[in-house]
Amino acid sequence: MAICDHLSQAGDPAASTPEGCEECLAAGGRWVHLRRCLQCGHIGCCDSSPSKHATAHFHATSHPVIQSFERGEDWRWCFVDNQMG
């Protein structure tokens, strides 16, 4: 299967809050794993986290690609095409 255009054209922006999920930090929440938006650098929590801020960020902005922000992981996910890269 060919990689989707969103994944092949994704950027590499700096993390907006390298210490954790932006919204969880502001609200005193918790997260399980972190994801970085490859369009703007937003750091949000994964879908295993109570608030699922990374997915919420996609729905609010339509930024299509996230990357794991966990040490030792480098996978990416396109929300639009439901494809891992």
N, C-alpha and C. Protein backbone atom coordinates (compact mmCIF):
# COMPACT_ATOMS: atom_id res chain seq x y z
N MET A 1 0.84 -1.18 0.00
CA MET A 1 0.00 0.00 0.00
C MET A 1 0.88 1.25 0.00
N ALA A 2 0.58 2.17 -0.86
CA ALA A 2 1.34 3.42 -0.95
C ALA A 2 1.01 4.32 0.24
N ILE A 3 2.01 5.08 0.66
CA ILE A 3 1.81 6.02 1.76
C ILE A 3 0.93 7.17 1.27
N CYS A 4 0.03 7.65 2.12
CA CYS A 4 -0.87 8.73 1.72
C CYS A 4 -0.11 10.05 1.60
N ASP A 5 -0.70 11.00 0.88
CA ASP A 5 -0.07 12.31 0.68
C ASP A 5 0.13 13.06 1.99
N HIS A 6 -0.82 12.91 2.92
CA HIS A 6 -0.68 13.62 4.20
C HIS A 6 0.58 13.17 4.93
N LEU A 7 0.81 11.87 4.97
CA LEU A 7 2.00 11.34 5.65
C LEU A 7 3.28 11.74 4.91
N SER A 8 3.27 11.66 3.60
CA SER A 8 4.49 11.96 2.84
C SER A 8 4.84 13.44 2.86
N GLN A 9 3.85 14.29 3.12
CA GLN A 9 4.08 15.74 3.11
C GLN A 9 4.10 16.35 4.51
N ALA A 10 4.02 15.51 5.54
CA ALA A 10 3.97 16.02 6.92
C ALA A 10 5.25 16.75 7.29
N GLY A 11 5.11 17.78 8.09
CA GLY A 11 6.24 18.58 8.53
C GLY A 11 6.90 18.00 9.78
N ASP A 12 7.72 18.82 10.41
CA ASP A 12 8.43 18.43 11.63
C ASP A 12 8.53 19.64 12.56
N PRO A 13 7.38 20.19 12.98
CA PRO A 13 7.42 21.39 13.84
C PRO A 13 7.90 21.07 15.24
N ALA A 14 8.43 22.07 15.89
CA ALA A 14 8.85 21.93 17.29
C ALA A 14 7.63 21.67 18.16
N ALA A 15 7.83 20.90 19.22
CA ALA A 15 6.74 20.61 20.16
C ALA A 15 6.33 21.88 20.89
N SER A 16 5.04 22.11 20.98
CA SER A 16 4.53 23.31 21.65
C SER A 16 4.75 23.26 23.16
N THR A 17 4.60 22.09 23.75
CA THR A 17 4.81 21.91 25.19
C THR A 17 5.51 20.57 25.41
N PRO A 18 6.83 20.54 25.33
CA PRO A 18 7.55 19.27 25.44
C PRO A 18 7.37 18.55 26.78
N GLU A 19 6.84 19.23 27.78
CA GLU A 19 6.68 18.60 29.09
C GLU A 19 5.38 17.81 29.22
N GLY A 20 4.46 17.90 28.24
CA GLY A 20 3.23 17.11 28.33
C GLY A 20 2.10 17.67 27.50
N CYS A 21 0.93 17.06 27.65
CA CYS A 21 -0.28 17.46 26.92
C CYS A 21 -0.68 18.88 27.32
N GLU A 22 -0.82 19.75 26.33
CA GLU A 22 -1.16 21.15 26.60
C GLU A 22 -2.40 21.29 27.47
N GLU A 23 -3.48 20.66 27.06
CA GLU A 23 -4.75 20.82 27.76
C GLU A 23 -4.73 20.16 29.14
N CYS A 24 -4.12 18.98 29.24
CA CYS A 24 -4.04 18.31 30.54
C CYS A 24 -3.19 19.12 31.53
N LEU A 25 -2.10 19.69 31.06
CA LEU A 25 -1.28 20.53 31.93
C LEU A 25 -2.07 21.73 32.44
N ALA A 26 -2.85 22.35 31.55
CA ALA A 26 -3.63 23.53 31.93
C ALA A 26 -4.75 23.19 32.91
N ALA A 27 -5.34 21.99 32.76
CA ALA A 27 -6.49 21.61 33.59
C ALA A 27 -6.12 20.71 34.76
N GLY A 28 -4.86 20.35 34.88
CA GLY A 28 -4.45 19.45 35.94
C GLY A 28 -4.84 18.00 35.67
N GLY A 29 -5.01 17.68 34.39
CA GLY A 29 -5.40 16.32 34.01
C GLY A 29 -4.20 15.39 33.90
N ARG A 30 -4.47 14.16 33.47
CA ARG A 30 -3.39 13.18 33.30
C ARG A 30 -3.48 12.56 31.91
N TRP A 31 -2.38 11.96 31.50
CA TRP A 31 -2.34 11.31 30.19
C TRP A 31 -1.61 9.99 30.30
N VAL A 32 -1.80 9.16 29.25
CA VAL A 32 -1.12 7.87 29.17
C VAL A 32 0.08 7.99 28.24
N HIS A 33 -0.16 8.44 27.01
CA HIS A 33 0.90 8.65 26.02
C HIS A 33 0.66 9.99 25.33
N LEU A 34 1.72 10.51 24.72
CA LEU A 34 1.63 11.82 24.07
C LEU A 34 1.77 11.69 22.56
N ARG A 35 1.11 12.61 21.84
CA ARG A 35 1.17 12.68 20.38
C ARG A 35 1.46 14.13 19.97
N ARG A 36 2.27 14.28 18.90
CA ARG A 36 2.61 15.62 18.40
C ARG A 36 1.96 15.82 17.04
N CYS A 37 1.27 16.92 16.85
CA CYS A 37 0.69 17.29 15.56
C CYS A 37 1.84 17.70 14.64
N LEU A 38 1.89 17.11 13.45
CA LEU A 38 2.98 17.41 12.53
C LEU A 38 2.69 18.60 11.63
N GLN A 39 1.62 19.33 11.92
CA GLN A 39 1.38 20.59 11.22
C GLN A 39 1.74 21.78 12.10
N CYS A 40 1.37 21.72 13.39
CA CYS A 40 1.58 22.89 14.25
C CYS A 40 2.42 22.61 15.50
N GLY A 41 2.69 21.33 15.79
CA GLY A 41 3.49 21.01 16.97
C GLY A 41 2.70 20.82 18.26
N HIS A 42 1.38 20.94 18.21
CA HIS A 42 0.55 20.74 19.40
C HIS A 42 0.84 19.38 20.02
N ILE A 43 0.99 19.33 21.33
CA ILE A 43 1.17 18.08 22.04
C ILE A 43 -0.15 17.76 22.74
N GLY A 44 -0.70 16.60 22.39
CA GLY A 44 -1.96 16.15 22.99
C GLY A 44 -1.82 14.72 23.47
N CYS A 45 -2.77 14.32 24.31
CA CYS A 45 -2.75 12.96 24.85
C CYS A 45 -3.46 11.99 23.91
N CYS A 46 -3.08 10.72 24.02
CA CYS A 46 -3.58 9.66 23.14
C CYS A 46 -5.01 9.26 23.48
N ASP A 47 -5.58 8.39 22.65
CA ASP A 47 -6.95 7.93 22.86
C ASP A 47 -7.10 6.97 24.04
N SER A 48 -5.99 6.50 24.61
CA SER A 48 -6.06 5.70 25.84
C SER A 48 -6.12 6.60 27.07
N SER A 49 -5.87 7.89 26.88
CA SER A 49 -5.93 8.87 27.97
C SER A 49 -7.38 9.31 28.17
N PRO A 50 -7.74 9.75 29.37
CA PRO A 50 -9.13 10.12 29.65
C PRO A 50 -9.70 11.19 28.70
N SER A 51 -8.90 12.17 28.31
CA SER A 51 -9.45 13.29 27.55
C SER A 51 -9.20 13.24 26.04
N LYS A 52 -8.33 12.38 25.57
CA LYS A 52 -8.10 12.18 24.13
C LYS A 52 -7.86 13.49 23.38
N HIS A 53 -6.96 14.33 23.89
CA HIS A 53 -6.75 15.65 23.33
C HIS A 53 -6.12 15.66 21.94
N ALA A 54 -5.32 14.65 21.59
CA ALA A 54 -4.73 14.63 20.24
C ALA A 54 -5.82 14.48 19.18
N THR A 55 -6.75 13.57 19.41
CA THR A 55 -7.86 13.39 18.47
C THR A 55 -8.77 14.62 18.46
N ALA A 56 -9.01 15.19 19.63
CA ALA A 56 -9.82 16.42 19.70
C ALA A 56 -9.17 17.54 18.91
N HIS A 57 -7.84 17.62 18.96
CA HIS A 57 -7.11 18.64 18.19
C HIS A 57 -7.34 18.44 16.69
N PHE A 58 -7.30 17.19 16.23
CA PHE A 58 -7.58 16.92 14.81
C PHE A 58 -8.99 17.39 14.45
N HIS A 59 -9.99 17.06 15.27
CA HIS A 59 -11.37 17.45 14.96
C HIS A 59 -11.56 18.97 14.97
N ALA A 60 -10.82 19.65 15.81
CA ALA A 60 -10.94 21.11 15.90
C ALA A 60 -10.19 21.83 14.78
N THR A 61 -9.10 21.24 14.28
CA THR A 61 -8.23 21.95 13.33
C THR A 61 -8.14 21.32 11.96
N SER A 62 -8.49 20.06 11.83
CA SER A 62 -8.30 19.27 10.60
C SER A 62 -6.84 19.04 10.26
N HIS A 63 -5.94 19.22 11.21
CA HIS A 63 -4.52 18.88 10.98
C HIS A 63 -4.44 17.36 10.92
N PRO A 64 -4.03 16.79 9.79
CA PRO A 64 -4.25 15.36 9.57
C PRO A 64 -3.28 14.37 10.20
N VAL A 65 -2.05 14.77 10.51
CA VAL A 65 -1.04 13.78 10.91
C VAL A 65 -0.48 14.06 12.30
N ILE A 66 -0.43 12.98 13.10
CA ILE A 66 0.23 13.04 14.40
C ILE A 66 1.39 12.06 14.40
N GLN A 67 2.31 12.28 15.32
CA GLN A 67 3.43 11.37 15.52
C GLN A 67 3.52 11.06 17.01
N SER A 68 3.91 9.84 17.33
CA SER A 68 4.11 9.51 18.73
C SER A 68 5.14 10.47 19.31
N PHE A 69 4.90 10.95 20.52
CA PHE A 69 5.84 11.82 21.21
C PHE A 69 6.42 11.08 22.41
N GLU A 70 6.54 9.78 22.23
CA GLU A 70 7.11 8.92 23.26
C GLU A 70 8.54 8.56 22.87
N ARG A 71 9.44 8.55 23.83
CA ARG A 71 10.84 8.19 23.59
C ARG A 71 10.91 6.79 22.97
N GLY A 72 11.69 6.66 21.90
CA GLY A 72 11.89 5.38 21.25
C GLY A 72 10.83 5.01 20.22
N GLU A 73 9.83 5.84 20.04
CA GLU A 73 8.79 5.58 19.03
C GLU A 73 8.84 6.67 17.97
N ASP A 74 8.68 6.28 16.70
CA ASP A 74 8.70 7.29 15.64
C ASP A 74 7.59 7.10 14.62
N TRP A 75 6.55 6.33 14.96
CA TRP A 75 5.45 6.12 14.02
C TRP A 75 4.60 7.38 13.88
N ARG A 76 3.91 7.45 12.74
CA ARG A 76 3.00 8.57 12.46
C ARG A 76 1.64 8.00 12.07
N TRP A 77 0.59 8.78 12.25
CA TRP A 77 -0.77 8.36 11.94
C TRP A 77 -1.51 9.47 11.21
N CYS A 78 -2.18 9.11 10.11
CA CYS A 78 -3.01 10.07 9.37
C CYS A 78 -4.46 9.81 9.74
N PHE A 79 -5.11 10.79 10.37
CA PHE A 79 -6.51 10.67 10.75
C PHE A 79 -7.41 10.61 9.52
N VAL A 80 -7.09 11.35 8.48
CA VAL A 80 -7.93 11.44 7.28
C VAL A 80 -8.00 10.10 6.56
N ASP A 81 -6.84 9.50 6.34
CA ASP A 81 -6.78 8.26 5.56
C ASP A 81 -6.67 7.01 6.43
N ASN A 82 -6.73 7.17 7.75
CA ASN A 82 -6.59 6.02 8.67
C ASN A 82 -5.40 5.15 8.28
N GLN A 83 -4.27 5.80 8.15
CA GLN A 83 -3.07 5.09 7.70
C GLN A 83 -1.89 5.42 8.60
N MET A 84 -1.11 4.40 8.91
CA MET A 84 0.10 4.56 9.71
C MET A 84 1.29 4.67 8.77
N GLY A 85 2.24 5.48 9.17
CA GLY A 85 3.42 5.64 8.35
C GLY A 85 4.69 5.66 9.16
